[in-house]
Protein backbone atom coordinates (compact mmCIF):
# COMPACT_ATOMS: atom_id res chain seq x y z
CA MET A 1 -8.12 3.63 -2.41
CA ALA A 2 -6.45 7.28 -1.82
CA ILE A 3 -9.88 8.80 -2.43
CA ILE A 4 -11.44 5.88 -0.16
CA ILE A 5 -8.98 7.49 2.72
CA THR A 6 -10.14 11.26 1.50
CA VAL A 7 -13.91 10.31 1.74
CA MET A 8 -13.35 8.85 5.46
CA VAL A 9 -11.49 11.71 6.43
CA LEU A 10 -14.48 14.11 5.35
CA GLU A 11 -16.46 11.93 8.07
CA LEU A 12 -14.91 13.91 10.55
CA THR A 13 -16.22 16.90 12.73
CA VAL A 14 -14.85 19.96 13.09
CA PRO A 15 -14.11 21.20 16.05
CA SER A 16 -15.83 24.42 16.91
CA GLY A 17 -13.11 25.78 19.77
CA HIS A 18 -9.24 25.77 19.65
CA HIS A 19 -8.64 23.32 22.37
CA LEU A 20 -7.85 19.68 22.95
CA ALA A 21 -11.32 18.98 24.72
CA ASP A 22 -13.14 20.53 21.87
CA LEU A 23 -11.51 18.01 19.48
CA VAL A 24 -12.17 14.90 21.67
CA HIS A 25 -15.66 16.29 22.30
CA ALA A 26 -16.47 17.11 18.38
CA THR A 27 -14.41 13.85 17.21
CA GLY A 28 -13.40 12.02 19.90
CA ILE A 29 -14.68 8.35 19.17
CA GLY A 30 -14.74 9.11 15.16
CA LEU A 31 -10.90 9.93 15.04
CA LEU A 32 -10.30 6.59 16.21
CA THR A 33 -12.42 4.60 14.11
CA TYR A 34 -11.16 6.55 11.28
CA LEU A 35 -7.72 5.73 12.46
CA LEU A 36 -8.78 2.09 12.67
CA SER A 37 -10.21 2.22 9.19
CA PHE A 38 -7.03 3.94 7.45
CA VAL A 39 -5.20 1.42 8.88
CA TYR A 40 -6.80 -1.28 7.07
CA VAL A 41 -7.29 0.60 3.77
CA GLY A 42 -3.05 1.18 4.04
CA ILE A 43 -2.60 -2.33 4.87
CA TYR A 44 -4.69 -3.52 1.52
CA TRP A 45 -2.65 -0.33 -0.44
CA ASN A 46 0.25 -2.13 0.27
CA ASN A 47 -0.21 -5.61 0.30
CA HIS A 48 -2.17 -4.86 -3.25
CA HIS A 49 1.52 -2.95 -4.47
CA HIS A 50 3.20 -6.06 -3.36
CA MET A 51 0.89 -8.64 -5.14
CA PHE A 52 1.14 -6.44 -8.60
CA GLN A 53 4.54 -6.44 -8.21
CA LEU A 54 4.98 -9.97 -7.87
CA THR A 55 2.33 -10.65 -11.34
CA LYS A 56 3.73 -10.62 -14.41
CA GLN A 57 0.46 -10.37 -16.48
CA ILE A 58 -3.55 -9.56 -15.80
CA THR A 59 -6.43 -11.07 -17.09
CA GLY A 60 -10.26 -9.96 -17.04
CA GLY A 61 -10.65 -12.52 -14.20
CA ALA A 62 -7.93 -10.33 -11.98
CA LEU A 63 -9.56 -7.13 -13.43
CA TRP A 64 -13.09 -8.40 -12.07
CA ALA A 65 -11.75 -9.91 -8.59
CA ASN A 66 -9.65 -6.21 -8.11
CA LEU A 67 -12.86 -4.18 -8.75
CA ALA A 68 -14.82 -6.68 -6.09
CA MET A 69 -12.17 -6.12 -3.66
CA LEU A 70 -12.17 -2.12 -4.42
CA PHE A 71 -16.08 -2.65 -3.93
CA PHE A 72 -16.30 -3.55 -0.56
CA LEU A 73 -13.13 -1.36 0.79
CA SER A 74 -15.41 1.55 -0.63
CA LEU A 75 -17.92 0.50 1.92
CA PHE A 76 -15.31 1.41 4.49
CA PRO A 77 -16.51 4.92 4.95
CA PHE A 78 -20.07 4.31 5.06
CA THR A 79 -19.38 1.43 7.73
CA THR A 80 -16.99 3.19 9.70
CA ALA A 81 -19.01 6.54 9.73
CA TRP A 82 -21.95 4.40 10.47
CA MET A 83 -20.25 2.49 13.29
CA ASP A 84 -18.97 6.39 14.88
CA ASP A 85 -22.55 7.90 14.94
CA SER A 86 -24.32 4.66 16.45
CA ARG A 87 -21.59 5.09 19.26
CA PHE A 88 -20.77 1.38 18.51
CA ALA A 89 -24.08 0.01 18.57
CA PRO A 90 -23.98 -3.86 17.68
CA THR A 91 -25.58 -3.84 14.40
CA PRO A 92 -23.01 -1.27 12.91
CA VAL A 93 -20.59 -3.19 14.48
CA VAL A 94 -21.34 -6.23 12.99
CA LEU A 95 -21.85 -4.61 9.47
CA TYR A 96 -18.18 -3.19 9.78
CA GLY A 97 -16.99 -6.68 10.86
CA VAL A 98 -19.12 -8.47 8.03
CA ASP A 99 -17.22 -5.27 5.37
CA LEU A 100 -13.76 -6.63 6.69
CA LEU A 101 -14.51 -10.42 6.06
CA CYS A 102 -15.76 -9.47 2.48
CA ALA A 103 -12.79 -7.33 1.63
CA ALA A 104 -10.52 -10.09 3.06
CA GLY A 105 -12.52 -12.83 1.11
CA ALA A 106 -12.24 -10.27 -2.10
CA TYR A 107 -8.86 -9.93 -2.17
CA LEU A 108 -8.14 -13.82 -1.34
CA VAL A 109 -10.00 -14.21 -4.64
CA LEU A 110 -8.09 -11.82 -6.37
CA GLN A 111 -4.67 -13.69 -4.88
CA ARG A 112 -6.50 -16.93 -6.13
CA VAL A 113 -6.90 -15.66 -9.55
CA ILE A 114 -3.29 -14.84 -10.19
CA ILE A 115 -1.91 -17.39 -8.70
CA ARG A 116 -4.47 -19.84 -10.88
CA MET A 117 -3.56 -17.92 -14.00
CA GLU A 118 0.51 -18.24 -13.14
CA GLY A 119 0.29 -21.61 -12.56
CA PRO A 120 2.57 -23.51 -10.23
CA GLY A 121 5.71 -21.26 -10.38
CA SER A 122 3.88 -18.57 -9.41
CA PRO A 123 5.97 -15.98 -7.51
CA LEU A 124 2.77 -14.91 -5.44
CA ARG A 125 2.11 -18.68 -4.26
CA ALA A 126 5.75 -18.85 -2.98
CA ALA A 127 5.55 -15.39 -0.93
CA ILE A 128 2.06 -15.96 0.68
CA GLY A 129 2.99 -19.87 1.59
CA ALA A 130 0.52 -21.29 3.78
CA ASP A 131 -1.35 -17.82 4.29
CA VAL A 132 -1.08 -18.42 8.18
CA LYS A 133 -2.09 -14.15 8.77
CA GLY A 134 -5.14 -14.65 6.17
CA LYS A 135 -6.64 -17.48 7.75
CA VAL A 136 -6.04 -15.85 11.21
CA SER A 137 -7.81 -12.80 10.10
CA ALA A 138 -10.80 -14.57 8.69
CA VAL A 139 -11.32 -16.44 12.16
CA LEU A 140 -10.63 -13.28 13.94
CA TYR A 141 -13.52 -11.17 11.60
CA LEU A 142 -15.59 -13.91 12.14
CA ALA A 143 -15.44 -14.31 16.01
CA GLY A 144 -15.72 -10.54 16.34
CA VAL A 145 -19.15 -10.71 14.01
CA LEU A 146 -20.52 -13.75 16.40
CA ALA A 147 -19.57 -11.85 19.51
CA ALA A 148 -21.23 -8.48 18.43
CA LEU A 149 -24.39 -10.58 17.32
CA THR A 150 -24.61 -12.92 20.23
CA ILE A 151 -22.80 -11.59 23.52
CA ASP A 152 -24.37 -9.02 25.58
CA ARG A 153 -26.67 -7.45 23.12
CA ASP A 154 -27.89 -5.15 25.23
CA GLY A 155 -24.51 -4.33 26.93
CA ARG A 156 -21.38 -3.61 25.17
CA SER A 157 -19.19 -6.83 25.90
CA GLY A 158 -20.13 -8.24 22.86
CA VAL A 159 -19.18 -4.98 20.61
CA TRP A 160 -16.16 -4.43 22.45
CA ILE A 161 -14.89 -8.43 22.02
CA ALA A 162 -15.91 -7.44 18.31
CA LEU A 163 -13.71 -4.43 18.14
CA SER A 164 -10.71 -6.12 19.88
CA CYS A 165 -10.86 -8.64 17.26
CA TYR A 166 -10.64 -6.42 14.57
CA VAL A 167 -8.14 -4.13 16.13
CA ALA A 168 -5.83 -7.71 16.50
CA VAL A 169 -6.19 -7.86 13.05
CA ALA A 170 -5.14 -4.73 11.98
CA VAL A 171 -2.12 -5.01 14.76
CA LEU A 172 -1.25 -8.69 12.77
CA TRP A 173 -0.99 -6.95 9.31
CA ILE A 174 0.96 -3.94 10.49
CA VAL A 175 4.01 -5.91 11.16
CA PRO A 176 5.82 -6.52 8.06
CA ASP A 177 5.57 -10.06 5.97
CA ARG A 178 9.25 -10.07 5.49
CA ARG A 179 8.42 -12.88 2.61
CA MET A 180 6.63 -11.01 0.34
CA ASP A 181 9.47 -8.42 0.27
CA ARG A 182 11.81 -11.05 -0.02
CA ALA A 183 9.85 -12.44 -3.19
CA VAL A 184 9.57 -8.82 -4.64
CA HIS A 185 13.59 -8.33 -4.38
CA ARG A 186 13.97 -11.77 -6.16
CA ALA A 187 11.50 -10.90 -9.21
CA THR A 188 12.94 -8.00 -9.65
CA ARG A 189 16.56 -9.38 -9.58
CA ASP A 190 15.46 -11.67 -11.84
CA GLN A 191 13.64 -10.20 -14.45
CA PRO A 192 15.61 -10.72 -18.00
CA GLY A 193 17.73 -8.05 -18.80
CA GLU A 194 18.61 -7.42 -15.03
CA SER A 195 22.07 -7.38 -13.94
CA ARG A 196 22.86 -9.79 -11.41
């Protein structure tokens, strides 16, 4: 995931001058799209770390599901750059949303594979609960994609609705989920050989 972030930052244009106006002119929107995608990769990185802290054993199925998630995350530099280079044309904005949706779906599959492997007593299952954030995220991604596809294709209304949906999901996930932290703390505390 660190490599994905590095590849994304390489897409930013270095200003030719030494003033803030030069930065805005050279990079401007690119810096904002980079920030959004950076936040997304950071969210996946943190949640992935917590998920694997709650996992006792990894199977081949979990490794393949993890690889699928990494595939969609590895497309972030491309979809981010295309969206930026096109100045938010509808098709790149749609593709960015589809990539976000696919990464979320792959993450969900990885969760399900781990939970199925660990059974009903899975600490991960207890930590994610009803997964309201995951469900709301999927709805917002889909709403964003559909808005960019169908609303005001010649104008920008649908695109701005889509971008608002994508930003809303990022904000939703930036807010820490205490259930995951508590589950990690419990799992660490309850390991055999640990003092209580």
